[in-house]
Amino acid sequence: MFIQTETTPNPNALKFLPGRDVSPLAVVEYRTIDEATASPLAEALFELAGVEGVMFGADYVSVTRDVRGPDWSEMKAPILSVIMDHFVANQDLFRDAPAQEGHADDQDDEIVAEIKALLDSRIRPAVAQDGGDILFDSFDHETGIVKLRMRGACSGCPSSSATLKSGVEQMLRHYVPEVNAVEQVL
């Protein structure tokens, strides 16, 4: 098995591409080892020195390192080994099925459904290329402010604010006239 790695705009996150589906139904992020117990792979990655976050995308694993820990030259080989061992052993990714996030449901009004559809069809795929994800949090009908949550490599990335303002906000304002601004929720 050959696993490719890609840098992300966040210098503290790397994207690992095992050449197969990872989590095609839902993007799932773990920020602590306690959360990671839901996934044998995430739990094994958190046991490595310096791992601060793990996110599973459709075809990648994004790992965020603690800036106070080892650098990538020390971390990359053990991470590759854990990922390879997991997929070669054909283990399940989750102990239970993850909840799907960021999709429209019957309770959404028309504007929120439009925002979520744009996020799913145009914005999330672009953000996923950088090893991250973006989730809808809320829309204030009075102010026109959309609140979004950045995950994976995009969480804490120096360029995420620029991405939200210059890319995401402009697109949402263009296609959904009720949107006036976009803000990040931490």
Protein backbone atom coordinates (compact mmCIF):
# COMPACT_ATOMS: atom_id res chain seq x y z
CA MET A 1 0.00 0.00 0.00
CA PHE A 2 1.31 3.44 -0.94
CA ILE A 3 0.12 6.46 1.05
CA GLN A 4 0.71 9.90 -0.42
CA THR A 5 1.11 12.98 1.74
CA GLU A 6 0.19 16.53 0.88
CA THR A 7 0.96 19.74 2.66
CA THR A 8 -1.92 22.04 3.55
CA PRO A 9 -2.05 25.82 3.94
CA ASN A 10 -1.84 25.14 7.69
CA PRO A 11 1.83 24.33 8.45
CA ASN A 12 0.69 22.26 11.46
CA ALA A 13 -1.51 19.90 9.43
CA LEU A 14 -0.68 17.23 6.85
CA LYS A 15 -3.04 15.34 4.59
CA PHE A 16 -2.50 11.59 4.14
CA LEU A 17 -4.07 9.93 1.07
CA PRO A 18 -4.22 6.12 1.33
CA GLY A 19 -5.59 5.71 -2.21
CA ARG A 20 -8.94 4.36 -1.03
CA ASP A 21 -12.16 5.56 0.58
CA VAL A 22 -11.68 6.71 4.16
CA SER A 23 -15.00 8.22 5.30
CA PRO A 24 -17.17 8.76 2.20
CA LEU A 25 -20.46 9.37 4.05
CA ALA A 26 -19.38 12.00 6.56
CA VAL A 27 -16.37 14.14 7.42
CA VAL A 28 -15.47 13.35 11.02
CA GLU A 29 -13.06 15.24 13.27
CA TYR A 30 -11.53 14.33 16.63
CA ARG A 31 -9.82 16.94 18.79
CA THR A 32 -9.01 14.81 21.84
CA ILE A 33 -8.07 11.22 22.54
CA ASP A 34 -11.32 10.88 24.52
CA GLU A 35 -13.35 11.70 21.38
CA ALA A 36 -11.09 9.44 19.32
CA THR A 37 -12.22 6.30 21.14
CA ALA A 38 -15.04 6.20 18.57
CA SER A 39 -12.46 5.23 15.94
CA PRO A 40 -9.64 2.69 16.29
CA LEU A 41 -7.57 4.59 13.70
CA ALA A 42 -8.04 8.00 15.34
CA GLU A 43 -7.28 6.52 18.75
CA ALA A 44 -4.04 4.94 17.46
CA LEU A 45 -3.00 8.25 15.87
CA PHE A 46 -3.63 10.17 19.10
CA GLU A 47 -1.35 7.74 20.91
CA LEU A 48 1.56 9.10 18.85
CA ALA A 49 3.57 11.95 20.34
CA GLY A 50 2.51 15.38 19.12
CA VAL A 51 -0.84 14.52 17.48
CA GLU A 52 -3.37 17.23 18.36
CA GLY A 53 -6.18 16.53 15.89
CA VAL A 54 -7.40 13.91 13.40
CA MET A 55 -9.98 14.34 10.67
CA PHE A 56 -11.32 11.79 8.20
CA GLY A 57 -12.49 13.02 4.82
CA ALA A 58 -13.89 11.07 1.90
CA ASP A 59 -10.48 9.86 0.75
CA TYR A 60 -7.96 11.29 3.21
CA VAL A 61 -6.81 11.49 6.81
CA SER A 62 -5.76 14.93 8.01
CA VAL A 63 -3.49 15.07 11.06
CA THR A 64 -2.78 18.24 13.02
CA ARG A 65 0.33 18.42 15.18
CA ASP A 66 0.89 20.22 18.46
CA VAL A 67 3.29 23.11 17.79
CA ARG A 68 5.06 22.33 21.08
CA GLY A 69 5.63 18.71 20.07
CA PRO A 70 7.88 16.97 17.57
CA ASP A 71 8.15 18.35 14.05
CA TRP A 72 6.86 16.62 10.92
CA SER A 73 10.21 14.98 10.16
CA GLU A 74 9.81 12.95 13.38
CA MET A 75 6.05 12.40 13.15
CA LYS A 76 5.45 11.51 9.50
CA ALA A 77 6.83 7.92 9.52
CA PRO A 78 4.93 6.77 12.64
CA ILE A 79 1.69 8.32 11.28
CA LEU A 80 2.17 6.57 7.92
CA SER A 81 2.80 3.30 9.75
CA VAL A 82 -0.40 3.57 11.85
CA ILE A 83 -2.53 4.44 8.80
CA MET A 84 -1.00 1.65 6.71
CA ASP A 85 -1.41 -0.95 9.47
CA HIS A 86 -5.06 0.04 9.90
CA PHE A 87 -6.01 -0.27 6.23
CA VAL A 88 -3.87 -3.34 5.48
CA ALA A 89 -5.58 -5.11 8.41
CA ASN A 90 -8.91 -4.07 6.84
CA GLN A 91 -10.19 -2.73 10.17
CA ASP A 92 -13.38 -0.71 10.48
CA LEU A 93 -12.86 3.04 10.67
CA PHE A 94 -15.54 3.54 13.35
CA ARG A 95 -16.75 1.50 16.26
CA ASP A 96 -20.24 2.93 15.57
CA ALA A 97 -21.53 4.84 12.52
CA PRO A 98 -20.72 8.58 12.74
CA ALA A 99 -23.48 11.16 12.67
CA GLN A 100 -23.67 13.06 9.41
CA GLU A 101 -23.10 16.77 9.70
CA GLY A 102 -23.60 19.76 7.47
CA HIS A 103 -26.55 18.51 5.40
CA ALA A 104 -29.95 20.11 4.90
CA ASP A 105 -32.91 18.53 6.66
CA ASP A 106 -36.67 19.04 6.65
CA GLN A 107 -36.49 21.65 9.42
CA ASP A 108 -34.36 24.08 7.37
CA ASP A 109 -36.01 27.07 5.81
CA GLU A 110 -35.35 27.87 2.17
CA ILE A 111 -32.44 30.27 2.76
CA VAL A 112 -30.62 27.90 5.13
CA ALA A 113 -31.17 25.02 2.71
CA GLU A 114 -29.67 27.15 -0.09
CA ILE A 115 -26.64 28.02 2.06
CA LYS A 116 -26.09 24.38 3.00
CA ALA A 117 -26.45 23.25 -0.61
CA LEU A 118 -23.77 25.74 -1.71
CA LEU A 119 -21.50 24.64 1.11
CA ASP A 120 -21.91 20.98 0.15
CA SER A 121 -21.61 21.39 -3.62
CA ARG A 122 -19.01 24.12 -4.07
CA ILE A 123 -17.23 25.11 -0.89
CA ARG A 124 -16.65 21.89 1.07
CA PRO A 125 -14.97 20.09 -1.86
CA ALA A 126 -12.52 22.99 -2.28
CA VAL A 127 -11.77 23.13 1.45
CA ALA A 128 -11.34 19.34 1.53
CA GLN A 129 -8.52 19.64 -1.01
CA ASP A 130 -6.56 21.43 1.72
CA GLY A 131 -7.32 18.74 4.31
CA GLY A 132 -10.12 20.60 6.05
CA ASP A 133 -13.85 20.94 6.28
CA ILE A 134 -16.38 23.70 6.81
CA LEU A 135 -19.70 23.25 8.59
CA PHE A 136 -22.81 25.38 8.77
CA ASP A 137 -23.51 26.59 12.31
CA SER A 138 -26.31 29.16 11.99
CA PHE A 139 -27.92 31.92 9.93
CA ASP A 140 -29.36 35.07 11.51
CA HIS A 141 -32.26 36.21 9.32
CA GLU A 142 -32.25 39.72 10.82
CA THR A 143 -28.56 40.53 10.28
CA GLY A 144 -27.87 38.23 7.33
CA ILE A 145 -24.84 36.75 9.11
CA VAL A 146 -23.87 33.13 8.42
CA LYS A 147 -21.76 31.44 11.09
CA LEU A 148 -19.48 28.63 9.96
CA ARG A 149 -17.13 26.25 11.74
CA MET A 150 -13.72 25.35 10.25
CA ARG A 151 -12.35 21.86 10.96
CA GLY A 152 -9.27 19.77 10.28
CA ALA A 153 -6.36 21.54 8.64
CA CYS A 154 -8.50 24.67 8.26
CA SER A 155 -9.04 25.03 11.99
CA GLY A 156 -6.33 27.37 13.20
CA CYS A 157 -4.88 27.85 9.73
CA PRO A 158 -3.42 31.32 9.20
CA SER A 159 -5.26 31.71 5.89
CA SER A 160 -8.69 30.49 7.07
CA SER A 161 -9.92 34.03 7.82
CA ALA A 162 -9.01 35.13 4.31
CA THR A 163 -10.68 32.03 2.86
CA LEU A 164 -13.89 32.82 4.74
CA LYS A 165 -13.99 36.48 3.76
CA SER A 166 -12.63 36.48 0.21
CA GLY A 167 -13.94 33.13 -0.96
CA VAL A 168 -16.84 31.79 1.05
CA GLU A 169 -18.49 35.10 1.91
CA GLN A 170 -18.31 36.39 -1.66
CA MET A 171 -19.79 33.19 -3.06
CA LEU A 172 -22.62 33.04 -0.54
CA ARG A 173 -23.45 36.72 -1.01
CA HIS A 174 -23.49 36.23 -4.80
CA TYR A 175 -25.84 33.23 -4.79
CA VAL A 176 -27.90 34.02 -1.67
CA PRO A 177 -28.74 37.75 -1.59
CA GLU A 178 -29.99 37.51 2.01
CA VAL A 179 -26.44 36.82 3.19
CA ASN A 180 -24.56 39.95 4.30
CA ALA A 181 -21.52 38.47 6.04
CA VAL A 182 -19.80 35.28 7.14
CA GLU A 183 -18.24 34.74 10.57
CA GLN A 184 -16.19 31.89 11.95
CA VAL A 185 -17.34 30.09 15.10
CA LEU A 186 -14.56 28.67 17.21
